[in-house]
Amino acid sequence: MTQAETLLQGVIRGPRLGMKSVKKHQYLARFDGVSSREEAARLLMGRKVACILRRGKKIIGRVVGLHGKNGIVRIRFRKGLPEPSNGLPVIVLPSRASKQSQ
């Protein structure tokens, strides 16, 4: 893994919406430099991410799928994010394999 992948940053776009309900633990996010479905699948599938709240607290989630064709991904958190979640920053955490190889 390169240094650029460890610093991959993005923004929460909002919760995932169903026909009649909001999925409380799933959110959509767009990452900088990822503009197509193929790039998102190659870089992000299964990776852990951290959402940084305004109080300095981090909530850990995992990329679980793609959303559309423009590089937006679905992230599942164990706990839901606070209500005004649009615009919260998200960073991709380094994988365990890269930590062990260093």
N, C-alpha and C. Protein backbone atom coordinates (compact mmCIF):
# COMPACT_ATOMS: atom_id res chain seq x y z
N MET A 1 0.84 -1.17 0.00
CA MET A 1 0.00 0.00 0.00
C MET A 1 0.89 1.24 0.00
N THR A 2 0.52 2.24 -0.76
CA THR A 2 1.30 3.45 -0.84
C THR A 2 0.84 4.45 0.21
N GLN A 3 1.64 5.48 0.39
CA GLN A 3 1.31 6.52 1.36
C GLN A 3 0.04 7.27 0.96
N ALA A 4 -0.19 7.41 -0.35
CA ALA A 4 -1.37 8.13 -0.82
C ALA A 4 -2.65 7.42 -0.41
N GLU A 5 -2.66 6.08 -0.36
CA GLU A 5 -3.87 5.36 0.02
C GLU A 5 -4.16 5.51 1.50
N THR A 6 -3.13 5.64 2.34
CA THR A 6 -3.38 5.77 3.77
C THR A 6 -3.97 7.13 4.11
N LEU A 7 -3.73 8.12 3.25
CA LEU A 7 -4.23 9.46 3.52
C LEU A 7 -5.49 9.79 2.71
N LEU A 8 -6.15 8.77 2.19
CA LEU A 8 -7.34 8.99 1.38
C LEU A 8 -8.44 9.56 2.26
N GLN A 9 -8.95 10.74 1.89
CA GLN A 9 -9.96 11.42 2.67
C GLN A 9 -11.22 11.59 1.86
N GLY A 10 -12.32 11.71 2.56
CA GLY A 10 -13.60 11.89 1.89
C GLY A 10 -14.58 12.63 2.77
N VAL A 11 -15.82 12.67 2.31
CA VAL A 11 -16.88 13.40 2.99
C VAL A 11 -18.15 12.54 3.00
N ILE A 12 -18.84 12.52 4.13
CA ILE A 12 -20.14 11.85 4.23
C ILE A 12 -21.16 12.67 3.44
N ARG A 13 -21.88 12.00 2.54
CA ARG A 13 -22.89 12.68 1.72
C ARG A 13 -24.27 12.63 2.37
N GLY A 14 -24.50 11.64 3.24
CA GLY A 14 -25.79 11.51 3.91
C GLY A 14 -26.09 10.06 4.18
N PRO A 15 -27.19 9.79 4.88
CA PRO A 15 -27.56 8.40 5.14
C PRO A 15 -28.11 7.73 3.90
N ARG A 16 -28.06 6.41 3.89
CA ARG A 16 -28.66 5.65 2.80
C ARG A 16 -30.16 5.61 3.02
N LEU A 17 -30.90 5.95 2.00
CA LEU A 17 -32.35 6.04 2.11
C LEU A 17 -33.02 4.86 1.45
N GLY A 18 -34.08 4.35 2.10
CA GLY A 18 -34.91 3.32 1.51
C GLY A 18 -36.17 3.96 0.96
N MET A 19 -37.07 3.14 0.51
CA MET A 19 -38.32 3.67 -0.03
C MET A 19 -39.13 4.42 1.03
N LYS A 20 -39.19 3.85 2.24
CA LYS A 20 -40.01 4.45 3.29
C LYS A 20 -39.24 4.69 4.58
N SER A 21 -37.94 4.43 4.59
CA SER A 21 -37.20 4.58 5.83
C SER A 21 -35.75 4.97 5.54
N VAL A 22 -35.07 5.37 6.61
CA VAL A 22 -33.66 5.71 6.55
C VAL A 22 -32.88 4.56 7.18
N LYS A 23 -31.84 4.09 6.50
CA LYS A 23 -30.98 3.06 7.07
C LYS A 23 -30.07 3.74 8.09
N LYS A 24 -30.26 3.45 9.36
CA LYS A 24 -29.62 4.22 10.43
C LYS A 24 -28.11 4.03 10.51
N HIS A 25 -27.61 2.89 10.09
CA HIS A 25 -26.19 2.60 10.24
C HIS A 25 -25.42 2.67 8.93
N GLN A 26 -26.07 2.98 7.82
CA GLN A 26 -25.40 3.02 6.53
C GLN A 26 -25.40 4.45 5.99
N TYR A 27 -24.24 4.88 5.52
CA TYR A 27 -24.08 6.23 5.01
C TYR A 27 -23.35 6.17 3.68
N LEU A 28 -23.57 7.18 2.85
CA LEU A 28 -22.91 7.29 1.56
C LEU A 28 -21.76 8.28 1.70
N ALA A 29 -20.62 7.96 1.06
CA ALA A 29 -19.46 8.84 1.15
C ALA A 29 -18.77 8.93 -0.21
N ARG A 30 -18.19 10.09 -0.47
CA ARG A 30 -17.38 10.30 -1.67
C ARG A 30 -15.96 10.60 -1.22
N PHE A 31 -14.98 9.91 -1.85
CA PHE A 31 -13.58 10.09 -1.51
C PHE A 31 -12.87 10.90 -2.59
N ASP A 32 -11.89 11.68 -2.17
CA ASP A 32 -11.13 12.53 -3.09
C ASP A 32 -10.34 11.66 -4.07
N GLY A 33 -10.40 11.99 -5.34
CA GLY A 33 -9.64 11.27 -6.35
C GLY A 33 -10.30 10.00 -6.85
N VAL A 34 -11.46 9.65 -6.33
CA VAL A 34 -12.17 8.45 -6.78
C VAL A 34 -13.40 8.92 -7.55
N SER A 35 -13.38 8.71 -8.87
CA SER A 35 -14.46 9.27 -9.69
C SER A 35 -15.22 8.22 -10.49
N SER A 36 -14.86 6.94 -10.36
CA SER A 36 -15.59 5.92 -11.10
C SER A 36 -15.82 4.70 -10.21
N ARG A 37 -16.74 3.87 -10.65
CA ARG A 37 -17.08 2.66 -9.90
C ARG A 37 -15.89 1.72 -9.80
N GLU A 38 -15.11 1.60 -10.86
CA GLU A 38 -13.96 0.69 -10.87
C GLU A 38 -12.88 1.14 -9.88
N GLU A 39 -12.61 2.44 -9.82
CA GLU A 39 -11.61 2.95 -8.87
C GLU A 39 -12.06 2.71 -7.44
N ALA A 40 -13.33 2.95 -7.17
CA ALA A 40 -13.85 2.75 -5.82
C ALA A 40 -13.78 1.28 -5.42
N ALA A 41 -14.10 0.39 -6.34
CA ALA A 41 -14.06 -1.05 -6.03
C ALA A 41 -12.63 -1.50 -5.78
N ARG A 42 -11.69 -0.99 -6.55
CA ARG A 42 -10.29 -1.42 -6.43
C ARG A 42 -9.66 -0.87 -5.15
N LEU A 43 -9.95 0.37 -4.80
CA LEU A 43 -9.29 1.00 -3.67
C LEU A 43 -9.95 0.74 -2.32
N LEU A 44 -11.27 0.62 -2.30
CA LEU A 44 -11.96 0.78 -1.03
C LEU A 44 -12.75 -0.41 -0.51
N MET A 45 -13.06 -1.40 -1.33
CA MET A 45 -13.96 -2.46 -0.86
C MET A 45 -13.38 -3.21 0.33
N GLY A 46 -14.14 -3.26 1.41
CA GLY A 46 -13.76 -3.99 2.61
C GLY A 46 -12.83 -3.24 3.53
N ARG A 47 -12.45 -2.01 3.20
CA ARG A 47 -11.51 -1.27 4.02
C ARG A 47 -12.21 -0.61 5.20
N LYS A 48 -11.48 -0.43 6.29
CA LYS A 48 -12.02 0.28 7.45
C LYS A 48 -11.83 1.78 7.27
N VAL A 49 -12.81 2.52 7.74
CA VAL A 49 -12.75 3.98 7.67
C VAL A 49 -13.10 4.54 9.04
N ALA A 50 -12.68 5.79 9.29
CA ALA A 50 -13.00 6.46 10.53
C ALA A 50 -13.68 7.78 10.21
N CYS A 51 -14.81 8.02 10.85
CA CYS A 51 -15.51 9.29 10.72
C CYS A 51 -15.11 10.14 11.92
N ILE A 52 -14.65 11.35 11.66
CA ILE A 52 -14.16 12.22 12.73
C ILE A 52 -15.26 13.21 13.08
N LEU A 53 -15.72 13.13 14.33
CA LEU A 53 -16.77 14.03 14.79
C LEU A 53 -16.16 15.34 15.25
N ARG A 54 -16.99 16.32 15.48
CA ARG A 54 -16.52 17.65 15.88
C ARG A 54 -15.87 17.64 17.26
N ARG A 55 -16.22 16.70 18.10
CA ARG A 55 -15.64 16.63 19.44
C ARG A 55 -14.31 15.91 19.47
N GLY A 56 -13.81 15.49 18.31
CA GLY A 56 -12.55 14.77 18.25
C GLY A 56 -12.69 13.27 18.38
N LYS A 57 -13.93 12.79 18.53
CA LYS A 57 -14.18 11.36 18.65
C LYS A 57 -14.22 10.72 17.27
N LYS A 58 -13.70 9.49 17.15
CA LYS A 58 -13.72 8.76 15.90
C LYS A 58 -14.71 7.60 16.00
N ILE A 59 -15.49 7.41 14.95
CA ILE A 59 -16.38 6.25 14.85
C ILE A 59 -15.88 5.42 13.68
N ILE A 60 -15.62 4.14 13.94
CA ILE A 60 -15.05 3.25 12.94
C ILE A 60 -16.17 2.54 12.16
N GLY A 61 -16.00 2.46 10.85
CA GLY A 61 -16.94 1.76 9.99
C GLY A 61 -16.19 0.98 8.93
N ARG A 62 -16.94 0.34 8.04
CA ARG A 62 -16.35 -0.49 6.99
C ARG A 62 -17.08 -0.21 5.68
N VAL A 63 -16.33 -0.14 4.59
CA VAL A 63 -16.92 0.03 3.27
C VAL A 63 -17.56 -1.30 2.87
N VAL A 64 -18.87 -1.28 2.61
CA VAL A 64 -19.59 -2.53 2.34
C VAL A 64 -20.09 -2.64 0.91
N GLY A 65 -20.06 -1.56 0.16
CA GLY A 65 -20.56 -1.67 -1.20
C GLY A 65 -20.42 -0.37 -1.96
N LEU A 66 -20.76 -0.44 -3.22
CA LEU A 66 -20.72 0.72 -4.09
C LEU A 66 -22.12 1.28 -4.25
N HIS A 67 -22.19 2.56 -4.62
CA HIS A 67 -23.48 3.21 -4.82
C HIS A 67 -23.40 4.02 -6.11
N GLY A 68 -24.02 3.54 -7.14
CA GLY A 68 -24.01 4.25 -8.40
C GLY A 68 -22.74 4.03 -9.19
N LYS A 69 -22.52 4.90 -10.18
CA LYS A 69 -21.39 4.75 -11.09
C LYS A 69 -20.35 5.83 -10.95
N ASN A 70 -20.48 6.73 -9.97
CA ASN A 70 -19.58 7.87 -9.86
C ASN A 70 -18.60 7.77 -8.70
N GLY A 71 -18.38 6.58 -8.16
CA GLY A 71 -17.37 6.42 -7.13
C GLY A 71 -17.86 6.63 -5.72
N ILE A 72 -19.15 6.70 -5.50
CA ILE A 72 -19.69 6.84 -4.15
C ILE A 72 -19.81 5.44 -3.54
N VAL A 73 -19.46 5.33 -2.25
CA VAL A 73 -19.48 4.03 -1.58
C VAL A 73 -20.43 4.06 -0.39
N ARG A 74 -20.86 2.85 0.02
CA ARG A 74 -21.68 2.70 1.21
C ARG A 74 -20.78 2.31 2.37
N ILE A 75 -20.97 2.95 3.51
CA ILE A 75 -20.20 2.66 4.71
C ILE A 75 -21.17 2.25 5.81
N ARG A 76 -20.87 1.14 6.50
CA ARG A 76 -21.70 0.69 7.60
C ARG A 76 -20.95 0.93 8.91
N PHE A 77 -21.61 1.62 9.83
CA PHE A 77 -21.07 1.88 11.16
C PHE A 77 -21.83 1.04 12.17
N ARG A 78 -21.18 0.67 13.25
CA ARG A 78 -21.88 -0.07 14.30
C ARG A 78 -22.88 0.83 15.01
N LYS A 79 -22.46 2.05 15.28
CA LYS A 79 -23.35 3.05 15.86
C LYS A 79 -23.71 4.04 14.77
N GLY A 80 -24.89 4.61 14.86
CA GLY A 80 -25.26 5.63 13.90
C GLY A 80 -24.51 6.92 14.18
N LEU A 81 -24.37 7.75 13.16
CA LEU A 81 -23.71 9.04 13.32
C LEU A 81 -24.72 10.05 13.87
N PRO A 82 -24.24 11.14 14.46
CA PRO A 82 -25.17 12.17 14.93
C PRO A 82 -25.96 12.77 13.77
N GLU A 83 -27.07 13.39 14.07
CA GLU A 83 -28.04 13.78 13.05
C GLU A 83 -27.49 14.69 11.95
N PRO A 84 -26.81 15.79 12.20
CA PRO A 84 -26.30 16.54 11.04
C PRO A 84 -25.03 15.89 10.50
N SER A 85 -25.15 14.75 9.84
CA SER A 85 -23.97 13.98 9.43
C SER A 85 -23.44 14.41 8.07
N ASN A 86 -24.19 15.18 7.29
CA ASN A 86 -23.71 15.60 5.98
C ASN A 86 -22.49 16.49 6.13
N GLY A 87 -21.43 16.15 5.40
CA GLY A 87 -20.23 16.97 5.42
C GLY A 87 -19.19 16.56 6.44
N LEU A 88 -19.44 15.52 7.22
CA LEU A 88 -18.43 15.07 8.18
C LEU A 88 -17.26 14.42 7.44
N PRO A 89 -16.03 14.68 7.88
CA PRO A 89 -14.88 14.09 7.19
C PRO A 89 -14.71 12.61 7.52
N VAL A 90 -14.22 11.85 6.54
CA VAL A 90 -13.96 10.42 6.67
C VAL A 90 -12.57 10.15 6.13
N ILE A 91 -11.80 9.31 6.84
CA ILE A 91 -10.49 8.92 6.34
C ILE A 91 -10.41 7.40 6.28
N VAL A 92 -9.64 6.89 5.32
CA VAL A 92 -9.42 5.46 5.19
C VAL A 92 -8.27 5.08 6.10
N LEU A 93 -8.48 4.06 6.94
CA LEU A 93 -7.44 3.61 7.85
C LEU A 93 -6.51 2.64 7.14
N PRO A 94 -5.23 2.63 7.53
CA PRO A 94 -4.31 1.67 6.92
C PRO A 94 -4.69 0.25 7.30
N SER A 95 -4.44 -0.68 6.39
CA SER A 95 -4.79 -2.08 6.65
C SER A 95 -3.78 -2.72 7.58
N ARG A 96 -4.15 -3.83 8.19
CA ARG A 96 -3.25 -4.53 9.11
C ARG A 96 -2.05 -5.11 8.38
N ALA A 97 -2.23 -5.54 7.14
CA ALA A 97 -1.14 -6.14 6.37
C ALA A 97 0.00 -5.14 6.17
N SER A 98 -0.35 -3.87 5.91
CA SER A 98 0.70 -2.87 5.70
C SER A 98 1.40 -2.53 7.01
N LYS A 99 0.69 -2.62 8.15
CA LYS A 99 1.33 -2.35 9.44
C LYS A 99 2.32 -3.44 9.78
N GLN A 100 1.99 -4.69 9.47
CA GLN A 100 2.87 -5.81 9.80
C GLN A 100 4.11 -5.83 8.91
N SER A 101 4.01 -5.35 7.66
CA SER A 101 5.14 -5.39 6.75
C SER A 101 6.14 -4.29 7.04
N GLN A 102 5.74 -3.26 7.79
CA GLN A 102 6.65 -2.14 8.06
C GLN A 102 7.56 -2.42 9.20
